[in-house]
PDB file of N, CA and C in Angstrom:
ATOM      1  N   MET A   1      60.718  37.123 -95.979  1.00  0.00           N
ATOM      2  CA  MET A   1      59.796  37.711 -95.039  1.00  0.00           C
ATOM      3  C   MET A   1      58.441  37.872 -95.723  1.00  0.00           C
ATOM      4  N   SER A   2      57.414  37.623 -94.989  1.00  0.00           N
ATOM      5  CA  SER A   2      56.081  37.572 -95.578  1.00  0.00           C
ATOM      6  C   SER A   2      55.311  38.892 -95.498  1.00  0.00           C
ATOM      7  N   LEU A   3      55.909  39.921 -94.941  1.00  0.00           N
ATOM      8  CA  LEU A   3      55.244  41.222 -94.889  1.00  0.00           C
ATOM      9  C   LEU A   3      55.415  41.956 -96.213  1.00  0.00           C
ATOM     10  N   LYS A   4      54.559  42.930 -96.431  1.00  0.00           N
ATOM     11  CA  LYS A   4      54.654  43.726 -97.655  1.00  0.00           C
ATOM     12  C   LYS A   4      55.953  44.535 -97.679  1.00  0.00           C
ATOM     13  N   GLU A   5      56.366  45.043 -96.506  1.00  0.00           N
ATOM     14  CA  GLU A   5      57.579  45.849 -96.407  1.00  0.00           C
ATOM     15  C   GLU A   5      58.551  45.205 -95.423  1.00  0.00           C
ATOM     16  N   ARG A   6      59.822  45.533 -95.549  1.00  0.00           N
ATOM     17  CA  ARG A   6      60.837  44.980 -94.654  1.00  0.00           C
ATOM     18  C   ARG A   6      60.588  45.402 -93.209  1.00  0.00           C
ATOM     19  N   LEU A   7      60.948  44.508 -92.308  1.00  0.00           N
ATOM     20  CA  LEU A   7      60.847  44.803 -90.885  1.00  0.00           C
ATOM     21  C   LEU A   7      61.948  45.760 -90.460  1.00  0.00           C
ATOM     22  N   HIS A   8      61.642  46.646 -89.542  1.00  0.00           N
ATOM     23  CA  HIS A   8      62.671  47.514 -88.968  1.00  0.00           C
ATOM     24  C   HIS A   8      63.661  46.669 -88.170  1.00  0.00           C
ATOM     25  N   ALA A   9      63.161  45.589 -87.573  1.00  0.00           N
ATOM     26  CA  ALA A   9      64.009  44.729 -86.744  1.00  0.00           C
ATOM     27  C   ALA A   9      64.987  43.900 -87.569  1.00  0.00           C
ATOM     28  N   ALA A  10      64.692  43.712 -88.856  1.00  0.00           N
ATOM     29  CA  ALA A  10      65.556  42.883 -89.699  1.00  0.00           C
ATOM     30  C   ALA A  10      65.552  43.387 -91.138  1.00  0.00           C
ATOM     31  N   PRO A  11      66.044  44.596 -91.344  1.00  0.00           N
ATOM     32  CA  PRO A  11      65.984  45.179 -92.686  1.00  0.00           C
ATOM     33  C   PRO A  11      66.863  44.466 -93.711  1.00  0.00           C
ATOM     34  N   GLN A  12      67.747  43.614 -93.242  1.00  0.00           N
ATOM     35  CA  GLN A  12      68.628  42.887 -94.159  1.00  0.00           C
ATOM     36  C   GLN A  12      67.894  41.776 -94.913  1.00  0.00           C
ATOM     37  N   TYR A  13      66.698  41.412 -94.457  1.00  0.00           N
ATOM     38  CA  TYR A  13      65.957  40.332 -95.101  1.00  0.00           C
ATOM     39  C   TYR A  13      64.934  40.890 -96.086  1.00  0.00           C
ATOM     40  N   PRO A  14      65.050  40.538 -97.353  1.00  0.00           N
ATOM     41  CA  PRO A  14      64.076  41.011 -98.346  1.00  0.00           C
ATOM     42  C   PRO A  14      62.724  40.314 -98.172  1.00  0.00           C
ATOM     43  N   THR A  15      61.715  40.926 -98.721  1.00  0.00           N
ATOM     44  CA  THR A  15      60.365  40.375 -98.638  1.00  0.00           C
ATOM     45  C   THR A  15      60.051  39.540 -99.871  1.00  0.00           C
ATOM     46  N   PHE A  16      59.020  38.717 -99.776  1.00  0.00           N
ATOM     47  CA  PHE A  16      58.547  37.977-100.947  1.00  0.00           C
ATOM     48  C   PHE A  16      58.161  38.949-102.059  1.00  0.00           C
ATOM     49  N   ASN A  17      57.576  40.082-101.685  1.00  0.00           N
ATOM     50  CA  ASN A  17      57.176  41.081-102.680  1.00  0.00           C
ATOM     51  C   ASN A  17      58.363  41.553-103.508  1.00  0.00           C
ATOM     52  N   GLU A  18      59.498  41.677-102.873  1.00  0.00           N
ATOM     53  CA  GLU A  18      60.691  42.116-103.598  1.00  0.00           C
ATOM     54  C   GLU A  18      61.133  41.092-104.638  1.00  0.00           C
ATOM     55  N   TYR A  19      60.731  39.856-104.460  1.00  0.00           N
ATOM     56  CA  TYR A  19      61.048  38.801-105.433  1.00  0.00           C
ATOM     57  C   TYR A  19      59.893  38.560-106.402  1.00  0.00           C
ATOM     58  N   GLY A  20      58.874  39.409-106.325  1.00  0.00           N
ATOM     59  CA  GLY A  20      57.771  39.309-107.268  1.00  0.00           C
ATOM     60  C   GLY A  20      56.595  38.476-106.806  1.00  0.00           C
ATOM     61  N   TYR A  21      56.595  38.038-105.548  1.00  0.00           N
ATOM     62  CA  TYR A  21      55.475  37.267-105.019  1.00  0.00           C
ATOM     63  C   TYR A  21      54.619  38.174-104.140  1.00  0.00           C
ATOM     64  N   PRO A  22      53.379  38.432-104.534  1.00  0.00           N
ATOM     65  CA  PRO A  22      52.532  39.374-103.785  1.00  0.00           C
ATOM     66  C   PRO A  22      52.000  38.775-102.483  1.00  0.00           C
ATOM     67  N   VAL A  23      52.863  38.738-101.480  1.00  0.00           N
ATOM     68  CA  VAL A  23      52.514  38.174-100.179  1.00  0.00           C
ATOM     69  C   VAL A  23      52.493  39.289 -99.148  1.00  0.00           C
ATOM     70  N   ASP A  24      51.479  39.293 -98.309  1.00  0.00           N
ATOM     71  CA  ASP A  24      51.403  40.253 -97.206  1.00  0.00           C
ATOM     72  C   ASP A  24      50.735  39.556 -96.028  1.00  0.00           C
ATOM     73  N   VAL A  25      51.522  38.787 -95.286  1.00  0.00           N
ATOM     74  CA  VAL A  25      51.016  38.041 -94.140  1.00  0.00           C
ATOM     75  C   VAL A  25      51.733  38.543 -92.903  1.00  0.00           C
ATOM     76  N   ASP A  26      50.981  39.135 -92.017  1.00  0.00           N
ATOM     77  CA  ASP A  26      51.535  39.633 -90.763  1.00  0.00           C
ATOM     78  C   ASP A  26      51.527  38.524 -89.722  1.00  0.00           C
ATOM     79  N   GLY A  27      52.584  38.493 -88.943  1.00  0.00           N
ATOM     80  CA  GLY A  27      52.567  37.705 -87.724  1.00  0.00           C
ATOM     81  C   GLY A  27      52.258  38.694 -86.613  1.00  0.00           C
ATOM     82  N   TRP A  28      51.185  38.480 -85.895  1.00  0.00           N
ATOM     83  CA  TRP A  28      50.826  39.470 -84.884  1.00  0.00           C
ATOM     84  C   TRP A  28      50.234  38.797 -83.663  1.00  0.00           C
ATOM     85  N   TRP A  29      50.357  39.510 -82.590  1.00  0.00           N
ATOM     86  CA  TRP A  29      49.841  39.077 -81.302  1.00  0.00           C
ATOM     87  C   TRP A  29      48.746  40.053 -80.920  1.00  0.00           C
ATOM     88  N   ALA A  30      47.815  39.600 -80.114  1.00  0.00           N
ATOM     89  CA  ALA A  30      46.726  40.486 -79.701  1.00  0.00           C
ATOM     90  C   ALA A  30      46.185  40.040 -78.345  1.00  0.00           C
ATOM     91  N   GLY A  31      45.497  40.953 -77.723  1.00  0.00           N
ATOM     92  CA  GLY A  31      44.741  40.626 -76.521  1.00  0.00           C
ATOM     93  C   GLY A  31      43.292  40.423 -76.929  1.00  0.00           C
ATOM     94  N   TYR A  32      42.723  39.315 -76.538  1.00  0.00           N
ATOM     95  CA  TYR A  32      41.348  39.007 -76.919  1.00  0.00           C
ATOM     96  C   TYR A  32      40.442  38.977 -75.701  1.00  0.00           C
ATOM     97  N   VAL A  33      39.226  39.395 -75.900  1.00  0.00           N
ATOM     98  CA  VAL A  33      38.203  39.339 -74.858  1.00  0.00           C
ATOM     99  C   VAL A  33      36.904  38.837 -75.502  1.00  0.00           C
ATOM    100  N   PRO A  34      35.985  38.310 -74.705  1.00  0.00           N
ATOM    101  CA  PRO A  34      34.698  37.898 -75.264  1.00  0.00           C
ATOM    102  C   PRO A  34      33.984  39.088 -75.914  1.00  0.00           C
ATOM    103  N   SER A  35      33.198  38.819 -76.928  1.00  0.00           N
ATOM    104  CA  SER A  35      32.526  39.897 -77.672  1.00  0.00           C
ATOM    105  C   SER A  35      31.586  40.722 -76.799  1.00  0.00           C
ATOM    106  N   ALA A  36      31.090  40.168 -75.713  1.00  0.00           N
ATOM    107  CA  ALA A  36      30.171  40.907 -74.839  1.00  0.00           C
ATOM    108  C   ALA A  36      30.888  41.778 -73.811  1.00  0.00           C
ATOM    109  N   THR A  37      32.212  41.832 -73.862  1.00  0.00           N
ATOM    110  CA  THR A  37      32.963  42.642 -72.908  1.00  0.00           C
ATOM    111  C   THR A  37      32.605  44.117 -73.095  1.00  0.00           C
ATOM    112  N   PRO A  38      32.261  44.819 -72.015  1.00  0.00           N
ATOM    113  CA  PRO A  38      31.920  46.244 -72.148  1.00  0.00           C
ATOM    114  C   PRO A  38      33.064  47.041 -72.788  1.00  0.00           C
ATOM    115  N   ARG A  39      32.683  47.997 -73.616  1.00  0.00           N
ATOM    116  CA  ARG A  39      33.674  48.799 -74.342  1.00  0.00           C
ATOM    117  C   ARG A  39      34.635  49.511 -73.398  1.00  0.00           C
ATOM    118  N   SER A  40      34.157  49.943 -72.231  1.00  0.00           N
ATOM    119  CA  SER A  40      35.049  50.627 -71.287  1.00  0.00           C
ATOM    120  C   SER A  40      36.177  49.705 -70.833  1.00  0.00           C
ATOM    121  N   ILE A  41      35.902  48.432 -70.670  1.00  0.00           N
ATOM    122  CA  ILE A  41      36.935  47.476 -70.272  1.00  0.00           C
ATOM    123  C   ILE A  41      37.874  47.209 -71.445  1.00  0.00           C
ATOM    124  N   VAL A  42      37.323  47.068 -72.642  1.00  0.00           N
ATOM    125  CA  VAL A  42      38.142  46.879 -73.840  1.00  0.00           C
ATOM    126  C   VAL A  42      39.112  48.048 -73.988  1.00  0.00           C
ATOM    127  N   ASN A  43      38.609  49.258 -73.841  1.00  0.00           N
ATOM    128  CA  ASN A  43      39.464  50.446 -73.968  1.00  0.00           C
ATOM    129  C   ASN A  43      40.528  50.504 -72.877  1.00  0.00           C
ATOM    130  N   TYR A  44      40.156  50.113 -71.656  1.00  0.00           N
ATOM    131  CA  TYR A  44      41.120  50.092 -70.554  1.00  0.00           C
ATOM    132  C   TYR A  44      42.247  49.101 -70.855  1.00  0.00           C
ATOM    133  N   LEU A  45      41.874  47.895 -71.276  1.00  0.00           N
ATOM    134  CA  LEU A  45      42.878  46.879 -71.602  1.00  0.00           C
ATOM    135  C   LEU A  45      43.742  47.318 -72.778  1.00  0.00           C
ATOM    136  N   ASN A  46      43.136  47.961 -73.773  1.00  0.00           N
ATOM    137  CA  ASN A  46      43.898  48.450 -74.922  1.00  0.00           C
ATOM    138  C   ASN A  46      44.934  49.483 -74.476  1.00  0.00           C
ATOM    139  N   ALA A  47      44.541  50.383 -73.605  1.00  0.00           N
ATOM    140  CA  ALA A  47      45.481  51.398 -73.116  1.00  0.00           C
ATOM    141  C   ALA A  47      46.630  50.749 -72.345  1.00  0.00           C
ATOM    142  N   ALA A  48      46.315  49.737 -71.541  1.00  0.00           N
ATOM    143  CA  ALA A  48      47.357  49.049 -70.775  1.00  0.00           C
ATOM    144  C   ALA A  48      48.323  48.325 -71.717  1.00  0.00           C
ATOM    145  N   LEU A  49      47.787  47.638 -72.728  1.00  0.00           N
ATOM    146  CA  LEU A  49      48.658  46.948 -73.685  1.00  0.00           C
ATOM    147  C   LEU A  49      49.475  47.939 -74.504  1.00  0.00           C
ATOM    148  N   ASP A  50      48.893  49.081 -74.846  1.00  0.00           N
ATOM    149  CA  ASP A  50      49.643  50.111 -75.573  1.00  0.00           C
ATOM    150  C   ASP A  50      50.863  50.568 -74.780  1.00  0.00           C
ATOM    151  N   GLN A  51      50.710  50.694 -73.457  1.00  0.00           N
ATOM    152  CA  GLN A  51      51.847  51.093 -72.629  1.00  0.00           C
ATOM    153  C   GLN A  51      52.953  50.042 -72.672  1.00  0.00           C
ATOM    154  N   VAL A  52      52.570  48.798 -72.636  1.00  0.00           N
ATOM    155  CA  VAL A  52      53.554  47.720 -72.691  1.00  0.00           C
ATOM    156  C   VAL A  52      54.253  47.729 -74.046  1.00  0.00           C
ATOM    157  N   VAL A  53      53.484  47.817 -75.114  1.00  0.00           N
ATOM    158  CA  VAL A  53      54.058  47.776 -76.466  1.00  0.00           C
ATOM    159  C   VAL A  53      54.997  48.961 -76.707  1.00  0.00           C
ATOM    160  N   ALA A  54      54.722  50.081 -76.074  1.00  0.00           N
ATOM    161  CA  ALA A  54      55.552  51.275 -76.247  1.00  0.00           C
ATOM    162  C   ALA A  54      56.852  51.210 -75.439  1.00  0.00           C
ATOM    163  N   SER A  55      56.992  50.205 -74.584  1.00  0.00           N
ATOM    164  CA  SER A  55      58.165  50.137 -73.716  1.00  0.00           C
ATOM    165  C   SER A  55      59.397  49.640 -74.479  1.00  0.00           C
ATOM    166  N   GLU A  56      60.548  50.040 -73.988  1.00  0.00           N
ATOM    167  CA  GLU A  56      61.812  49.597 -74.572  1.00  0.00           C
ATOM    168  C   GLU A  56      61.990  48.086 -74.404  1.00  0.00           C
ATOM    169  N   GLU A  57      61.557  47.562 -73.281  1.00  0.00           N
ATOM    170  CA  GLU A  57      61.658  46.117 -73.050  1.00  0.00           C
ATOM    171  C   GLU A  57      60.855  45.336 -74.095  1.00  0.00           C
ATOM    172  N   CYS A  58      59.686  45.832 -74.419  1.00  0.00           N
ATOM    173  CA  CYS A  58      58.856  45.174 -75.424  1.00  0.00           C
ATOM    174  C   CYS A  58      59.527  45.244 -76.798  1.00  0.00           C
ATOM    175  N   ARG A  59      60.041  46.406 -77.143  1.00  0.00           N
ATOM    176  CA  ARG A  59      60.717  46.550 -78.435  1.00  0.00           C
ATOM    177  C   ARG A  59      61.870  45.562 -78.533  1.00  0.00           C
ATOM    178  N   GLN A  60      62.667  45.478 -77.475  1.00  0.00           N
ATOM    179  CA  GLN A  60      63.805  44.559 -77.489  1.00  0.00           C
ATOM    180  C   GLN A  60      63.344  43.107 -77.622  1.00  0.00           C
ATOM    181  N   PHE A  61      62.292  42.756 -76.900  1.00  0.00           N
ATOM    182  CA  PHE A  61      61.778  41.389 -76.997  1.00  0.00           C
ATOM    183  C   PHE A  61      61.336  41.074 -78.424  1.00  0.00           C
ATOM    184  N   PHE A  62      60.501  41.927 -78.990  1.00  0.00           N
ATOM    185  CA  PHE A  62      60.001  41.660 -80.335  1.00  0.00           C
ATOM    186  C   PHE A  62      61.116  41.713 -81.375  1.00  0.00           C
ATOM    187  N   ASN A  63      61.991  42.669 -81.261  1.00  0.00           N
ATOM    188  CA  ASN A  63      63.115  42.718 -82.203  1.00  0.00           C
ATOM    189  C   ASN A  63      63.962  41.453 -82.097  1.00  0.00           C
ATOM    190  N   GLY A  64      64.061  40.896 -80.889  1.00  0.00           N
ATOM    191  CA  GLY A  64      64.831  39.677 -80.681  1.00  0.00           C
ATOM    192  C   GLY A  64      64.230  38.458 -81.373  1.00  0.00           C
ATOM    193  N   ILE A  65      62.947  38.493 -81.656  1.00  0.00           N
ATOM    194  CA  ILE A  65      62.311  37.395 -82.391  1.00  0.00           C
ATOM    195  C   ILE A  65      61.929  37.857 -83.804  1.00  0.00           C
ATOM    196  N   ILE A  66      62.629  38.879 -84.263  1.00  0.00           N
ATOM    197  CA  ILE A  66      62.483  39.461 -85.601  1.00  0.00           C
ATOM    198  C   ILE A  66      61.043  39.919 -85.867  1.00  0.00           C
ATOM    199  N   CYS A  67      60.558  40.744 -84.977  1.00  0.00           N
ATOM    200  CA  CYS A  67      59.243  41.375 -85.116  1.00  0.00           C
ATOM    201  C   CYS A  67      59.368  42.850 -84.768  1.00  0.00           C
ATOM    202  N   ASP A  68      58.483  43.635 -85.326  1.00  0.00           N
ATOM    203  CA  ASP A  68      58.379  45.044 -84.968  1.00  0.00           C
ATOM    204  C   ASP A  68      57.153  45.228 -84.080  1.00  0.00           C
ATOM    205  N   PRO A  69      57.297  45.845 -82.909  1.00  0.00           N
ATOM    206  CA  PRO A  69      56.116  46.085 -82.081  1.00  0.00           C
ATOM    207  C   PRO A  69      55.254  47.193 -82.676  1.00  0.00           C
ATOM    208  N   TRP A  70      53.957  47.023 -82.610  1.00  0.00           N
ATOM    209  CA  TRP A  70      53.034  48.063 -83.048  1.00  0.00           C
ATOM    210  C   TRP A  70      51.708  47.840 -82.343  1.00  0.00           C
ATOM    211  N   SER A  71      50.964  48.887 -82.202  1.00  0.00           N
ATOM    212  CA  SER A  71      49.664  48.780 -81.539  1.00  0.00           C
ATOM    213  C   SER A  71      48.595  49.434 -82.391  1.00  0.00           C
ATOM    214  N   GLN A  72      47.371  49.056 -82.108  1.00  0.00           N
ATOM    215  CA  GLN A  72      46.215  49.573 -82.833  1.00  0.00           C
ATOM    216  C   GLN A  72      45.064  49.769 -81.867  1.00  0.00           C
ATOM    217  N   THR A  73      44.037  50.422 -82.363  1.00  0.00           N
ATOM    218  CA  THR A  73      42.806  50.524 -81.596  1.00  0.00           C
ATOM    219  C   THR A  73      42.082  49.186 -81.675  1.00  0.00           C
ATOM    220  N   PRO A  74      41.130  48.932 -80.779  1.00  0.00           N
ATOM    221  CA  PRO A  74      40.356  47.692 -80.875  1.00  0.00           C
ATOM    222  C   PRO A  74      39.649  47.541 -82.228  1.00  0.00           C
ATOM    223  N   ASP A  75      39.121  48.626 -82.761  1.00  0.00           N
ATOM    224  CA  ASP A  75      38.439  48.543 -84.058  1.00  0.00           C
ATOM    225  C   ASP A  75      39.415  48.217 -85.185  1.00  0.00           C
ATOM    226  N   GLN A  76      40.601  48.797 -85.153  1.00  0.00           N
ATOM    227  CA  GLN A  76      41.613  48.480 -86.163  1.00  0.00           C
ATOM    228  C   GLN A  76      42.038  47.020 -86.066  1.00  0.00           C
ATOM    229  N   SER A  77      42.174  46.526 -84.846  1.00  0.00           N
ATOM    230  CA  SER A  77      42.566  45.136 -84.647  1.00  0.00           C
ATOM    231  C   SER A  77      41.489  44.180 -85.154  1.00  0.00           C
ATOM    232  N   GLN A  78      40.238  44.498 -84.904  1.00  0.00           N
ATOM    233  CA  GLN A  78      39.144  43.655 -85.396  1.00  0.00           C
ATOM    234  C   GLN A  78      39.133  43.635 -86.923  1.00  0.00           C
ATOM    235  N   ALA A  79      39.332  44.784 -87.537  1.00  0.00           N
ATOM    236  CA  ALA A  79      39.365  44.854 -89.003  1.00  0.00           C
ATOM    237  C   ALA A  79      40.550  44.048 -89.551  1.00  0.00           C
ATOM    238  N   LEU A  80      41.705  44.125 -88.880  1.00  0.00           N
ATOM    239  CA  LEU A  80      42.878  43.352 -89.301  1.00  0.00           C
ATOM    240  C   LEU A  80      42.587  41.858 -89.208  1.00  0.00           C
ATOM    241  N   LEU A  81      41.982  41.435 -88.117  1.00  0.00           N
ATOM    242  CA  LEU A  81      41.641  40.028 -87.955  1.00  0.00           C
ATOM    243  C   LEU A  81      40.738  39.562 -89.098  1.00  0.00           C
ATOM    244  N   GLU A  82      39.747  40.346 -89.432  1.00  0.00           N
ATOM    245  CA  GLU A  82      38.832  39.982 -90.513  1.00  0.00           C
ATOM    246  C   GLU A  82      39.554  39.908 -91.856  1.00  0.00           C
ATOM    247  N   ARG A  83      40.457  40.847 -92.130  1.00  0.00           N
ATOM    248  CA  ARG A  83      41.238  40.808 -93.384  1.00  0.00           C
ATOM    249  C   ARG A  83      42.148  39.587 -93.421  1.00  0.00           C
ATOM    250  N   GLN A  84      42.792  39.283 -92.299  1.00  0.00           N
ATOM    251  CA  GLN A  84      43.680  38.136 -92.248  1.00  0.00           C
ATOM    252  C   GLN A  84      42.919  36.822 -92.440  1.00  0.00           C
ATOM    253  N   LEU A  85      41.751  36.698 -91.830  1.00  0.00           N
ATOM    254  CA  LEU A  85      40.949  35.486 -92.016  1.00  0.00           C
ATOM    255  C   LEU A  85      40.557  35.308 -93.482  1.00  0.00           C
ATOM    256  N   SER A  86      40.185  36.398 -94.116  1.00  0.00           N
ATOM    257  CA  SER A  86      39.824  36.343 -95.535  1.00  0.00           C
ATOM    258  C   SER A  86      41.037  35.958 -96.381  1.00  0.00           C
ATOM    259  N   ALA A  87      42.178  36.559 -96.089  1.00  0.00           N
ATOM    260  CA  ALA A  87      43.395  36.261 -96.853  1.00  0.00           C
ATOM    261  C   ALA A  87      43.786  34.800 -96.684  1.00  0.00           C
ATOM    262  N   TRP A  88      43.723  34.296 -95.464  1.00  0.00           N
ATOM    263  CA  TRP A  88      44.096  32.900 -95.243  1.00  0.00           C
ATOM    264  C   TRP A  88      43.138  31.951 -95.933  1.00  0.00           C
ATOM    265  N   HIS A  89      41.881  32.325 -96.003  1.00  0.00           N
ATOM    266  CA  HIS A  89      40.926  31.513 -96.757  1.00  0.00           C
ATOM    267  C   HIS A  89      41.394  31.408 -98.206  1.00  0.00           C
ATOM    268  N   ASP A  90      41.796  32.532 -98.781  1.00  0.00           N
ATOM    269  CA  ASP A  90      42.284  32.545-100.161  1.00  0.00           C
ATOM    270  C   ASP A  90      43.563  31.714-100.309  1.00  0.00           C
ATOM    271  N   TYR A  91      44.484  31.815 -99.345  1.00  0.00           N
ATOM    272  CA  TYR A  91      45.735  31.058 -99.426  1.00  0.00           C
ATOM    273  C   TYR A  91      45.465  29.554 -99.393  1.00  0.00           C
ATOM    274  N   VAL A  92      44.519  29.129 -98.565  1.00  0.00           N
ATOM    275  CA  VAL A  92      44.163  27.715 -98.487  1.00  0.00           C
ATOM    276  C   VAL A  92      43.584  27.246 -99.821  1.00  0.00           C
ATOM    277  N   GLU A  93      42.745  28.083-100.433  1.00  0.00           N
ATOM    278  CA  GLU A  93      42.177  27.742-101.739  1.00  0.00           C
ATOM    279  C   GLU A  93      43.270  27.646-102.809  1.00  0.00           C
ATOM    280  N   ILE A  94      44.158  28.607-102.843  1.00  0.00           N
ATOM    281  CA  ILE A  94      45.232  28.623-103.835  1.00  0.00           C
ATOM    282  C   ILE A  94      46.126  27.389-103.684  1.00  0.00           C
ATOM    283  N   ALA A  95      46.435  27.032-102.448  1.00  0.00           N
ATOM    284  CA  ALA A  95      47.313  25.895-102.190  1.00  0.00           C
ATOM    285  C   ALA A  95      46.588  24.551-102.299  1.00  0.00           C
ATOM    286  N   LYS A  96      45.269  24.611-102.471  1.00  0.00           N
ATOM    287  CA  LYS A  96      44.459  23.388-102.549  1.00  0.00           C
ATOM    288  C   LYS A  96      44.670  22.492-101.329  1.00  0.00           C
ATOM    289  N   LEU A  97      44.699  23.128-100.162  1.00  0.00           N
ATOM    290  CA  LEU A  97      44.851  22.383 -98.932  1.00  0.00           C
ATOM    291  C   LEU A  97      43.516  21.772 -98.531  1.00  0.00           C
ATOM    292  N   GLU A  98      43.589  20.591 -97.934  1.00  0.00           N
ATOM    293  CA  GLU A  98      42.369  19.951 -97.458  1.00  0.00           C
ATOM    294  C   GLU A  98      41.881  20.695 -96.214  1.00  0.00           C
ATOM    295  N   LYS A  99      40.612  21.008 -96.204  1.00  0.00           N
ATOM    296  CA  LYS A  99      40.039  21.746 -95.082  1.00  0.00           C
ATOM    297  C   LYS A  99      39.620  20.772 -93.984  1.00  0.00           C
ATOM    298  N   GLU A 100      39.892  21.152 -92.761  1.00  0.00           N
ATOM    299  CA  GLU A 100      39.469  20.355 -91.614  1.00  0.00           C
ATOM    300  C   GLU A 100      38.222  20.998 -91.034  1.00  0.00           C
ATOM    301  N   HIS A 101      37.342  20.178 -90.546  1.00  0.00           N
ATOM    302  CA  HIS A 101      36.091  20.697 -89.960  1.00  0.00           C
ATOM    303  C   HIS A 101      36.054  20.430 -88.496  1.00  0.00           C
TER     304      HIS A 101
END
């Protein structure tokens, strides 16, 4: 598993970190809107998605694909996206992958 800590949905699977590989790559889903979307609409959509993520049906769905449901504020999600983009840039460099333009 590529997360820093074991998933609640699959605690039987150890992480790369447990084997000494410092990997922390989240698989995550998000709702995206254009950057010019008014904050009131962003907040409304965030609240609606939070209700879905908090549902038992959502938990069962995500656990069924070995994921843990979690939600964040729009600002937290934007910061996560920026961290993930930076991390993936580093992973591509480390792996010496050819970059596509």
